[in-house]
């Protein structure tokens, strides 16, 4: 007869062989109850005494480890040994002011498109309207076609030309003959 669940044994004999087996429940490790060791606070609250790291301490540890990692990539002279501190300090003094000395623009700005369009339109010769045009103007046609009475041929610079049977091609303009 067993007195507790830890003290249960089974004994049997078979063909003059005796066997005794321990069948009791064994507690491998006893964990202390956190309520037994808890500190009582006013108002009936319990503060368990559990070994833990606070969030503040974990954040401080993380910041220290990241500072060490940052020192590997971007070392500062105050974090280095006496052996190389002066060399790194002189480099810092020289290169830390470099962005103030250099000025560059990372983009083309906002007016590049209008400047480019106006330069393109200045290079395209003006062509007089012949009166047979239909439909809405497309592309640059509203800028390059001018009315016949406002057309000034001197505005089109002609410096060189090549003659063919039906077409005369000028350096900066095209006229049909």
N, C-alpha and C. Protein backbone atom coordinates (compact mmCIF):
# COMPACT_ATOMS: atom_id res chain seq x y z
N UNK A 1 0.84 -1.18 0.00
CA UNK A 1 0.00 0.00 0.00
C UNK A 1 0.88 1.24 0.00
N UNK A 2 0.58 2.15 -0.92
CA UNK A 2 1.40 3.35 -1.11
C UNK A 2 0.88 4.47 -0.24
N UNK A 3 1.84 5.22 0.32
CA UNK A 3 1.45 6.34 1.17
C UNK A 3 1.35 7.65 0.38
N UNK A 4 2.05 7.76 -0.74
CA UNK A 4 1.97 8.95 -1.59
C UNK A 4 2.21 8.54 -3.03
N UNK A 5 1.99 9.46 -3.94
CA UNK A 5 2.16 9.13 -5.36
C UNK A 5 3.62 9.00 -5.76
N UNK A 6 4.55 9.48 -4.90
CA UNK A 6 5.97 9.31 -5.19
C UNK A 6 6.49 7.93 -4.77
N UNK A 7 5.79 7.29 -3.85
CA UNK A 7 6.25 6.01 -3.30
C UNK A 7 5.37 4.86 -3.76
N UNK A 8 5.34 4.59 -5.04
CA UNK A 8 4.57 3.46 -5.57
C UNK A 8 5.56 2.50 -6.21
N UNK A 9 5.53 1.23 -5.72
CA UNK A 9 6.43 0.19 -6.24
C UNK A 9 5.59 -0.99 -6.69
N UNK A 10 6.09 -1.67 -7.70
CA UNK A 10 5.44 -2.87 -8.22
C UNK A 10 6.45 -4.01 -8.10
N UNK A 11 6.06 -5.07 -7.35
CA UNK A 11 6.93 -6.23 -7.18
C UNK A 11 6.24 -7.43 -7.79
N UNK A 12 6.98 -8.21 -8.56
CA UNK A 12 6.42 -9.45 -9.11
C UNK A 12 7.55 -10.46 -9.28
N UNK A 13 7.10 -11.76 -9.39
CA UNK A 13 8.04 -12.86 -9.55
C UNK A 13 7.53 -13.75 -10.66
N UNK A 14 8.41 -14.12 -11.56
CA UNK A 14 8.03 -14.99 -12.67
C UNK A 14 9.18 -15.96 -12.90
N UNK A 15 8.92 -17.26 -12.76
CA UNK A 15 9.91 -18.32 -12.95
C UNK A 15 11.17 -18.06 -12.12
N UNK A 16 10.94 -17.83 -10.85
CA UNK A 16 11.98 -17.59 -9.87
C UNK A 16 12.82 -16.34 -10.15
N UNK A 17 12.29 -15.43 -10.92
CA UNK A 17 12.96 -14.14 -11.14
C UNK A 17 12.10 -13.09 -10.49
N UNK A 18 12.70 -12.38 -9.55
CA UNK A 18 11.97 -11.33 -8.85
C UNK A 18 12.33 -9.97 -9.47
N UNK A 19 11.32 -9.16 -9.57
CA UNK A 19 11.51 -7.81 -10.15
C UNK A 19 10.74 -6.81 -9.32
N UNK A 20 11.40 -5.68 -9.05
CA UNK A 20 10.76 -4.59 -8.30
C UNK A 20 10.90 -3.33 -9.14
N UNK A 21 9.76 -2.73 -9.51
CA UNK A 21 9.74 -1.56 -10.38
C UNK A 21 9.17 -0.37 -9.61
N UNK A 22 9.87 0.76 -9.70
CA UNK A 22 9.40 1.99 -9.06
C UNK A 22 8.43 2.67 -10.03
N UNK A 23 7.16 2.78 -9.66
CA UNK A 23 6.12 3.37 -10.50
C UNK A 23 5.65 4.73 -9.99
N UNK A 24 6.34 5.30 -9.05
CA UNK A 24 5.93 6.57 -8.46
C UNK A 24 6.25 7.76 -9.37
N UNK A 25 5.51 8.82 -9.14
CA UNK A 25 5.71 10.05 -9.89
C UNK A 25 6.91 10.78 -9.29
N UNK A 26 7.85 11.10 -10.14
CA UNK A 26 9.04 11.79 -9.67
C UNK A 26 9.02 13.23 -10.15
N UNK A 27 9.28 14.12 -9.26
CA UNK A 27 9.41 15.53 -9.60
C UNK A 27 10.89 15.78 -9.85
N UNK A 28 11.22 16.07 -11.10
CA UNK A 28 12.62 16.23 -11.46
C UNK A 28 13.22 17.50 -10.87
N UNK A 29 12.44 18.57 -10.86
CA UNK A 29 12.95 19.82 -10.34
C UNK A 29 11.76 20.59 -9.79
N UNK A 30 11.96 21.14 -8.68
CA UNK A 30 10.87 21.91 -8.08
C UNK A 30 11.11 23.38 -8.34
N UNK A 31 10.14 24.02 -8.95
CA UNK A 31 10.20 25.47 -9.16
C UNK A 31 9.55 26.13 -7.97
N UNK A 32 10.22 27.12 -7.44
CA UNK A 32 9.57 27.81 -6.32
C UNK A 32 8.37 28.60 -6.84
N UNK A 33 7.33 28.63 -6.08
CA UNK A 33 6.14 29.37 -6.43
C UNK A 33 6.45 30.86 -6.33
N UNK A 34 6.20 31.60 -7.41
CA UNK A 34 6.55 33.04 -7.40
C UNK A 34 5.69 33.81 -6.42
N UNK A 35 4.53 33.30 -6.07
CA UNK A 35 3.68 34.00 -5.11
C UNK A 35 4.22 33.87 -3.68
N UNK A 36 4.93 32.75 -3.40
CA UNK A 36 5.48 32.55 -2.06
C UNK A 36 6.60 33.55 -1.78
N UNK A 37 7.34 33.94 -2.81
CA UNK A 37 8.46 34.88 -2.61
C UNK A 37 8.10 36.31 -2.98
N UNK A 38 6.87 36.59 -3.36
CA UNK A 38 6.48 37.92 -3.81
C UNK A 38 6.44 38.90 -2.66
N UNK A 39 6.72 40.14 -2.99
CA UNK A 39 6.68 41.21 -2.00
C UNK A 39 5.29 41.82 -2.01
N UNK A 40 4.74 42.01 -0.84
CA UNK A 40 3.39 42.58 -0.74
C UNK A 40 3.47 44.11 -0.75
N UNK A 41 2.64 44.69 -1.61
CA UNK A 41 2.58 46.14 -1.72
C UNK A 41 1.27 46.62 -1.10
N UNK A 42 1.20 47.91 -0.79
CA UNK A 42 -0.07 48.43 -0.25
C UNK A 42 -1.20 48.25 -1.26
N UNK A 43 -2.35 47.96 -0.76
CA UNK A 43 -3.51 47.77 -1.63
C UNK A 43 -3.68 46.32 -2.04
N UNK A 44 -2.89 45.41 -1.49
CA UNK A 44 -3.04 44.00 -1.80
C UNK A 44 -2.30 43.54 -3.04
N UNK A 45 -1.50 44.39 -3.62
CA UNK A 45 -0.75 44.02 -4.82
C UNK A 45 0.46 43.17 -4.45
N UNK A 46 0.82 42.29 -5.36
CA UNK A 46 2.02 41.47 -5.18
C UNK A 46 3.06 41.85 -6.23
N UNK A 47 4.30 41.99 -5.79
CA UNK A 47 5.40 42.27 -6.70
C UNK A 47 6.29 41.04 -6.71
N UNK A 48 6.18 40.20 -7.76
CA UNK A 48 6.98 38.98 -7.78
C UNK A 48 8.47 39.29 -7.85
N UNK A 49 9.26 38.52 -7.14
CA UNK A 49 10.71 38.72 -7.17
C UNK A 49 11.30 37.74 -8.19
N UNK A 50 11.22 38.16 -9.43
CA UNK A 50 11.72 37.35 -10.54
C UNK A 50 12.92 38.07 -11.12
N UNK A 51 13.98 37.32 -11.40
CA UNK A 51 15.14 37.94 -12.02
C UNK A 51 14.78 38.31 -13.45
N UNK A 52 14.85 39.60 -13.77
CA UNK A 52 14.53 40.07 -15.11
C UNK A 52 15.31 41.34 -15.39
N UNK A 53 15.41 41.67 -16.67
CA UNK A 53 16.08 42.90 -17.10
C UNK A 53 15.00 43.88 -17.51
N UNK A 54 15.09 45.08 -17.00
CA UNK A 54 14.07 46.07 -17.31
C UNK A 54 14.24 46.58 -18.74
N UNK A 55 13.20 47.18 -19.26
CA UNK A 55 13.24 47.72 -20.60
C UNK A 55 14.28 48.84 -20.71
N UNK A 56 14.40 49.63 -19.67
CA UNK A 56 15.38 50.71 -19.67
C UNK A 56 16.80 50.15 -19.76
N UNK A 57 17.08 49.09 -18.99
CA UNK A 57 18.40 48.49 -19.01
C UNK A 57 18.68 47.83 -20.37
N UNK A 58 17.67 47.16 -20.94
CA UNK A 58 17.84 46.54 -22.26
C UNK A 58 18.11 47.60 -23.32
N UNK A 59 17.42 48.75 -23.24
CA UNK A 59 17.64 49.85 -24.19
C UNK A 59 19.05 50.41 -24.05
N UNK A 60 19.51 50.59 -22.82
CA UNK A 60 20.88 51.09 -22.60
C UNK A 60 21.91 50.12 -23.16
N UNK A 61 21.71 48.82 -22.92
CA UNK A 61 22.64 47.81 -23.45
C UNK A 61 22.65 47.82 -24.97
N UNK A 62 21.47 47.95 -25.56
CA UNK A 62 21.37 47.99 -27.01
C UNK A 62 22.08 49.22 -27.57
N UNK A 63 21.89 50.38 -26.93
CA UNK A 63 22.55 51.61 -27.40
C UNK A 63 24.07 51.50 -27.30
N UNK A 64 24.56 50.87 -26.25
CA UNK A 64 26.01 50.69 -26.10
C UNK A 64 26.54 49.77 -27.19
N UNK A 65 25.82 48.69 -27.48
CA UNK A 65 26.28 47.78 -28.54
C UNK A 65 26.22 48.44 -29.91
N UNK A 66 25.20 49.27 -30.16
CA UNK A 66 25.11 49.97 -31.44
C UNK A 66 26.18 51.06 -31.55
N UNK A 67 26.53 51.68 -30.42
CA UNK A 67 27.59 52.68 -30.43
C UNK A 67 28.92 52.01 -30.80
N UNK A 68 29.13 50.80 -30.27
CA UNK A 68 30.34 50.05 -30.62
C UNK A 68 30.33 49.68 -32.10
N UNK A 69 29.18 49.29 -32.61
CA UNK A 69 29.07 48.95 -34.04
C UNK A 69 29.32 50.19 -34.90
N UNK A 70 28.78 51.33 -34.49
CA UNK A 70 28.96 52.58 -35.23
C UNK A 70 30.43 53.00 -35.22
N UNK A 71 31.12 52.74 -34.11
CA UNK A 71 32.54 53.07 -34.03
C UNK A 71 33.37 52.23 -34.98
N UNK A 72 32.89 51.03 -35.31
CA UNK A 72 33.61 50.21 -36.28
C UNK A 72 33.50 50.83 -37.67
N UNK A 73 32.33 51.34 -38.01
CA UNK A 73 32.10 51.89 -39.34
C UNK A 73 32.56 53.34 -39.47
N UNK A 74 32.26 54.15 -38.46
CA UNK A 74 32.60 55.58 -38.49
C UNK A 74 33.29 55.94 -37.17
N UNK A 75 34.56 55.63 -37.05
CA UNK A 75 35.24 55.87 -35.76
C UNK A 75 35.41 57.36 -35.47
N UNK A 76 35.28 57.70 -34.22
CA UNK A 76 35.52 59.06 -33.74
C UNK A 76 36.80 59.05 -32.92
N UNK A 77 37.51 60.14 -32.94
CA UNK A 77 38.82 60.18 -32.29
C UNK A 77 38.71 60.01 -30.77
N UNK A 78 37.64 60.49 -30.15
CA UNK A 78 37.54 60.37 -28.70
C UNK A 78 37.30 58.94 -28.25
N UNK A 79 36.89 58.04 -29.16
CA UNK A 79 36.64 56.64 -28.80
C UNK A 79 37.82 55.74 -29.11
N UNK A 80 38.91 56.30 -29.60
CA UNK A 80 40.06 55.49 -30.00
C UNK A 80 41.19 55.57 -28.98
N UNK A 81 42.15 54.70 -29.14
CA UNK A 81 43.29 54.67 -28.21
C UNK A 81 44.24 55.83 -28.51
N UNK A 82 45.18 56.03 -27.60
CA UNK A 82 46.16 57.12 -27.74
C UNK A 82 47.05 56.93 -28.96
N UNK A 83 47.16 55.69 -29.42
CA UNK A 83 48.06 55.38 -30.52
C UNK A 83 47.63 56.06 -31.82
N UNK A 84 46.34 56.09 -32.10
CA UNK A 84 45.86 56.64 -33.38
C UNK A 84 44.93 57.83 -33.20
N UNK A 85 44.69 58.26 -31.99
CA UNK A 85 43.73 59.33 -31.73
C UNK A 85 44.10 60.63 -32.45
N UNK A 86 45.37 61.02 -32.43
CA UNK A 86 45.79 62.28 -33.05
C UNK A 86 45.61 62.26 -34.57
N UNK A 87 45.91 61.12 -35.18
CA UNK A 87 45.78 61.02 -36.63
C UNK A 87 44.32 61.16 -37.04
N UNK A 88 43.44 60.44 -36.33
CA UNK A 88 42.00 60.50 -36.67
C UNK A 88 41.45 61.89 -36.35
N UNK A 89 41.93 62.53 -35.29
CA UNK A 89 41.45 63.87 -34.96
C UNK A 89 41.81 64.86 -36.06
N UNK A 90 43.02 64.78 -36.59
CA UNK A 90 43.43 65.68 -37.68
C UNK A 90 42.60 65.43 -38.94
N UNK A 91 42.30 64.16 -39.23
CA UNK A 91 41.45 63.86 -40.38
C UNK A 91 40.03 64.40 -40.18
N UNK A 92 39.51 64.24 -38.98
CA UNK A 92 38.18 64.77 -38.68
C UNK A 92 38.15 66.28 -38.85
N UNK A 93 39.16 66.94 -38.32
CA UNK A 93 39.21 68.41 -38.39
C UNK A 93 39.23 68.87 -39.85
N UNK A 94 39.91 68.12 -40.70
CA UNK A 94 40.02 68.52 -42.10
C UNK A 94 38.75 68.19 -42.90
N UNK A 95 38.20 67.00 -42.69
CA UNK A 95 37.10 66.54 -43.53
C UNK A 95 35.71 66.86 -42.98
N UNK A 96 35.57 67.18 -41.71
CA UNK A 96 34.25 67.52 -41.17
C UNK A 96 33.73 68.84 -41.73
N UNK A 97 34.61 69.73 -42.15
CA UNK A 97 34.18 71.00 -42.72
C UNK A 97 34.02 70.93 -44.24
N UNK A 98 34.31 69.78 -44.82
CA UNK A 98 34.24 69.63 -46.27
C UNK A 98 32.85 69.90 -46.85
N UNK A 99 31.76 69.41 -46.26
CA UNK A 99 30.44 69.72 -46.84
C UNK A 99 30.12 71.21 -46.85
N UNK A 100 30.66 71.97 -45.88
CA UNK A 100 30.43 73.42 -45.88
C UNK A 100 31.17 74.10 -47.01
N UNK A 101 32.35 73.58 -47.38
CA UNK A 101 33.15 74.18 -48.44
C UNK A 101 32.61 73.84 -49.83
N UNK A 102 32.06 72.66 -49.97
CA UNK A 102 31.57 72.22 -51.27
C UNK A 102 30.09 72.54 -51.40
N UNK A 103 29.71 73.02 -52.55
CA UNK A 103 28.28 73.26 -52.80
C UNK A 103 27.95 72.69 -54.16
N UNK A 104 27.02 71.78 -54.17
CA UNK A 104 26.57 71.20 -55.43
C UNK A 104 25.07 70.96 -55.33
N UNK A 105 24.44 70.92 -56.46
CA UNK A 105 23.00 70.72 -56.51
C UNK A 105 22.76 69.28 -56.98
N UNK A 106 21.98 68.51 -56.23
CA UNK A 106 21.78 67.12 -56.61
C UNK A 106 20.83 66.91 -57.78
N UNK A 107 20.16 67.97 -58.23
CA UNK A 107 19.22 67.81 -59.34
C UNK A 107 19.37 68.99 -60.30
N UNK A 108 18.67 68.91 -61.41
CA UNK A 108 18.75 69.95 -62.43
C UNK A 108 17.96 71.20 -62.07
N UNK A 109 17.10 71.12 -61.12
CA UNK A 109 16.26 72.26 -60.76
C UNK A 109 14.91 72.16 -61.42
N UNK A 110 14.16 73.25 -61.38
CA UNK A 110 12.81 73.23 -61.92
C UNK A 110 12.69 73.91 -63.28
N UNK A 111 13.64 74.76 -63.64
CA UNK A 111 13.50 75.53 -64.88
C UNK A 111 14.19 74.88 -66.07
N UNK A 112 14.79 73.70 -65.92
CA UNK A 112 15.52 73.08 -67.02
C UNK A 112 14.60 72.73 -68.19
N UNK A 113 13.38 72.34 -67.90
CA UNK A 113 12.47 71.91 -68.96
C UNK A 113 12.05 73.08 -69.84
N UNK A 114 11.73 74.21 -69.22
CA UNK A 114 11.33 75.37 -70.02
C UNK A 114 12.52 75.94 -70.80
N UNK A 115 13.72 75.92 -70.21
CA UNK A 115 14.91 76.37 -70.93
C UNK A 115 15.18 75.47 -72.14
N UNK A 116 15.06 74.18 -71.94
CA UNK A 116 15.30 73.23 -73.03
C UNK A 116 14.29 73.42 -74.16
N UNK A 117 13.02 73.62 -73.81
CA UNK A 117 11.98 73.83 -74.82
C UNK A 117 12.22 75.12 -75.61
N UNK A 118 12.60 76.19 -74.90
CA UNK A 118 12.83 77.45 -75.61
C UNK A 118 14.06 77.35 -76.52
N UNK A 119 15.10 76.64 -76.10
CA UNK A 119 16.28 76.47 -76.96
C UNK A 119 15.93 75.65 -78.19
N UNK A 120 15.10 74.61 -78.00
CA UNK A 120 14.69 73.78 -79.14
C UNK A 120 13.87 74.60 -80.12
N UNK A 121 12.94 75.40 -79.63
CA UNK A 121 12.11 76.21 -80.50
C UNK A 121 12.91 77.29 -81.22
N UNK A 122 13.97 77.80 -80.61
CA UNK A 122 14.83 78.78 -81.27
C UNK A 122 15.64 78.16 -82.40
N UNK A 123 15.93 76.87 -82.31
CA UNK A 123 16.71 76.21 -83.34
C UNK A 123 15.85 75.76 -84.52
N UNK A 124 14.54 75.63 -84.32
CA UNK A 124 13.65 75.21 -85.41
C UNK A 124 13.25 76.45 -86.21
N UNK A 125 13.38 76.42 -87.53
CA UNK A 125 13.02 77.61 -88.33
C UNK A 125 11.51 77.81 -88.37
N UNK A 126 11.11 79.07 -88.52
CA UNK A 126 9.69 79.39 -88.66
C UNK A 126 9.26 79.15 -90.10
N UNK A 127 8.09 78.60 -90.26
CA UNK A 127 7.57 78.25 -91.59
C UNK A 127 6.25 79.01 -91.80
N UNK A 128 6.07 79.67 -92.97
CA UNK A 128 4.81 80.38 -93.20
C UNK A 128 3.67 79.40 -93.49
N UNK A 129 2.49 79.77 -93.02
CA UNK A 129 1.30 78.96 -93.30
C UNK A 129 0.94 79.11 -94.77
N UNK A 130 0.47 78.03 -95.39
CA UNK A 130 0.08 78.12 -96.80
C UNK A 130 -1.43 78.26 -96.97
N UNK A 131 -2.19 78.14 -95.88
CA UNK A 131 -3.63 78.32 -95.97
C UNK A 131 -4.40 77.03 -96.19
N UNK A 132 -3.73 75.92 -96.40
CA UNK A 132 -4.41 74.65 -96.66
C UNK A 132 -4.41 73.74 -95.43
N UNK A 133 -3.94 74.23 -94.28
CA UNK A 133 -3.85 73.41 -93.07
C UNK A 133 -5.24 73.14 -92.51
N UNK A 134 -5.45 71.94 -92.01
CA UNK A 134 -6.73 71.57 -91.39
C UNK A 134 -6.46 70.92 -90.06
N UNK A 135 -7.45 70.93 -89.18
CA UNK A 135 -7.32 70.26 -87.88
C UNK A 135 -6.58 71.10 -86.87
N UNK A 136 -6.45 70.53 -85.70
CA UNK A 136 -5.76 71.21 -84.61
C UNK A 136 -4.25 71.07 -84.78
N UNK A 137 -3.48 72.08 -84.36
CA UNK A 137 -2.02 71.96 -84.46
C UNK A 137 -1.51 70.89 -83.49
N UNK A 138 -0.49 70.15 -83.94
CA UNK A 138 0.08 69.09 -83.12
C UNK A 138 1.55 69.36 -82.89
N UNK A 139 2.05 68.95 -81.73
CA UNK A 139 3.47 69.09 -81.43
C UNK A 139 3.89 70.54 -81.34
N UNK A 140 4.97 70.88 -82.04
CA UNK A 140 5.50 72.25 -82.04
C UNK A 140 4.90 73.10 -83.14
N UNK A 141 3.91 72.60 -83.84
CA UNK A 141 3.41 73.33 -85.01
C UNK A 141 2.84 74.69 -84.67
N UNK A 142 2.26 74.86 -83.51
CA UNK A 142 1.71 76.18 -83.18
C UNK A 142 2.83 77.19 -82.91
N UNK A 143 4.05 76.73 -82.58
CA UNK A 143 5.17 77.66 -82.38
C UNK A 143 5.96 77.92 -83.66
N UNK A 144 6.05 76.92 -84.56
CA UNK A 144 6.94 77.11 -85.72
C UNK A 144 6.20 77.66 -86.95
N UNK A 145 4.89 77.47 -87.06
CA UNK A 145 4.16 78.01 -88.20
C UNK A 145 3.73 79.43 -87.89
N UNK A 146 3.99 80.33 -88.80
CA UNK A 146 3.57 81.73 -88.64
C UNK A 146 2.70 82.10 -89.83
N UNK A 147 1.92 83.13 -89.65
CA UNK A 147 1.06 83.59 -90.74
C UNK A 147 1.94 84.22 -91.82
N UNK A 148 1.45 84.16 -93.08
CA UNK A 148 2.25 84.61 -94.23
C UNK A 148 2.64 86.08 -94.13
N UNK A 149 1.73 86.94 -93.63
CA UNK A 149 2.06 88.36 -93.57
C UNK A 149 3.04 88.69 -92.44
N UNK A 150 3.17 87.81 -91.42
CA UNK A 150 4.11 88.04 -90.33
C UNK A 150 5.43 87.31 -90.54
N UNK A 151 5.56 86.55 -91.62
CA UNK A 151 6.76 85.77 -91.87
C UNK A 151 7.91 86.66 -92.31
N UNK A 152 9.04 86.54 -91.66
CA UNK A 152 10.24 87.29 -92.01
C UNK A 152 11.32 86.29 -92.41
N UNK A 153 11.63 86.19 -93.70
CA UNK A 153 12.62 85.19 -94.13
C UNK A 153 14.01 85.44 -93.56
N UNK A 154 14.29 86.66 -93.12
CA UNK A 154 15.62 86.92 -92.56
C UNK A 154 15.78 86.29 -91.18
N UNK A 155 14.65 85.92 -90.56
CA UNK A 155 14.75 85.28 -89.25
C UNK A 155 15.28 83.86 -89.38
N UNK A 156 15.17 83.27 -90.57
CA UNK A 156 15.71 81.94 -90.82
C UNK A 156 17.11 82.12 -91.38
N UNK A 157 18.08 81.64 -90.65
CA UNK A 157 19.48 81.80 -91.05
C UNK A 157 19.80 80.77 -92.12
N UNK A 158 20.27 81.28 -93.28
CA UNK A 158 20.65 80.39 -94.37
C UNK A 158 22.13 80.58 -94.63
N UNK A 159 22.91 79.59 -94.34
CA UNK A 159 24.35 79.71 -94.55
C UNK A 159 24.86 78.75 -95.61
N UNK A 160 24.31 77.58 -95.69
CA UNK A 160 24.73 76.60 -96.67
C UNK A 160 23.49 75.98 -97.30
N UNK A 161 23.62 75.51 -98.51
CA UNK A 161 22.49 74.81 -99.10
C UNK A 161 22.97 73.74 -100.05
N UNK A 162 22.11 72.75 -100.28
CA UNK A 162 22.37 71.66 -101.21
C UNK A 162 21.20 71.64 -102.18
N UNK A 163 21.48 71.68 -103.49
CA UNK A 163 20.41 71.69 -104.48
C UNK A 163 20.20 70.28 -105.02
N UNK A 164 18.98 69.89 -105.07
CA UNK A 164 18.58 68.67 -105.77
C UNK A 164 17.54 69.07 -106.79
N UNK A 165 16.93 68.12 -107.48
CA UNK A 165 15.95 68.46 -108.52
C UNK A 165 14.75 69.20 -107.96
N UNK A 166 14.14 68.68 -106.90
CA UNK A 166 12.91 69.26 -106.40
C UNK A 166 13.05 69.91 -105.03
N UNK A 167 14.17 69.67 -104.34
CA UNK A 167 14.26 70.09 -102.94
C UNK A 167 15.55 70.87 -102.72
N UNK A 168 15.43 72.01 -102.10
CA UNK A 168 16.60 72.77 -101.68
C UNK A 168 16.66 72.67 -100.17
N UNK A 169 17.74 72.10 -99.63
CA UNK A 169 17.88 71.94 -98.18
C UNK A 169 18.87 72.98 -97.70
N UNK A 170 18.42 73.88 -96.86
CA UNK A 170 19.28 74.88 -96.28
C UNK A 170 19.80 74.39 -94.95
N UNK A 171 20.81 75.02 -94.44
CA UNK A 171 21.46 74.60 -93.21
C UNK A 171 20.47 74.53 -92.04
N UNK A 172 19.64 75.53 -91.89
CA UNK A 172 18.74 75.52 -90.74
C UNK A 172 17.27 75.60 -91.16
N UNK A 173 16.94 75.38 -92.41
CA UNK A 173 15.53 75.41 -92.80
C UNK A 173 15.34 74.57 -94.06
N UNK A 174 14.09 74.19 -94.32
CA UNK A 174 13.75 73.38 -95.49
C UNK A 174 12.69 74.14 -96.30
N UNK A 175 12.95 74.37 -97.58
CA UNK A 175 11.97 75.01 -98.49
C UNK A 175 11.82 74.11 -99.71
N UNK A 176 10.61 74.03 -100.20
CA UNK A 176 10.36 73.30 -101.44
C UNK A 176 10.42 74.27 -102.61
N UNK A 177 11.05 73.86 -103.72
CA UNK A 177 11.14 74.76 -104.88
C UNK A 177 10.16 74.32 -105.95
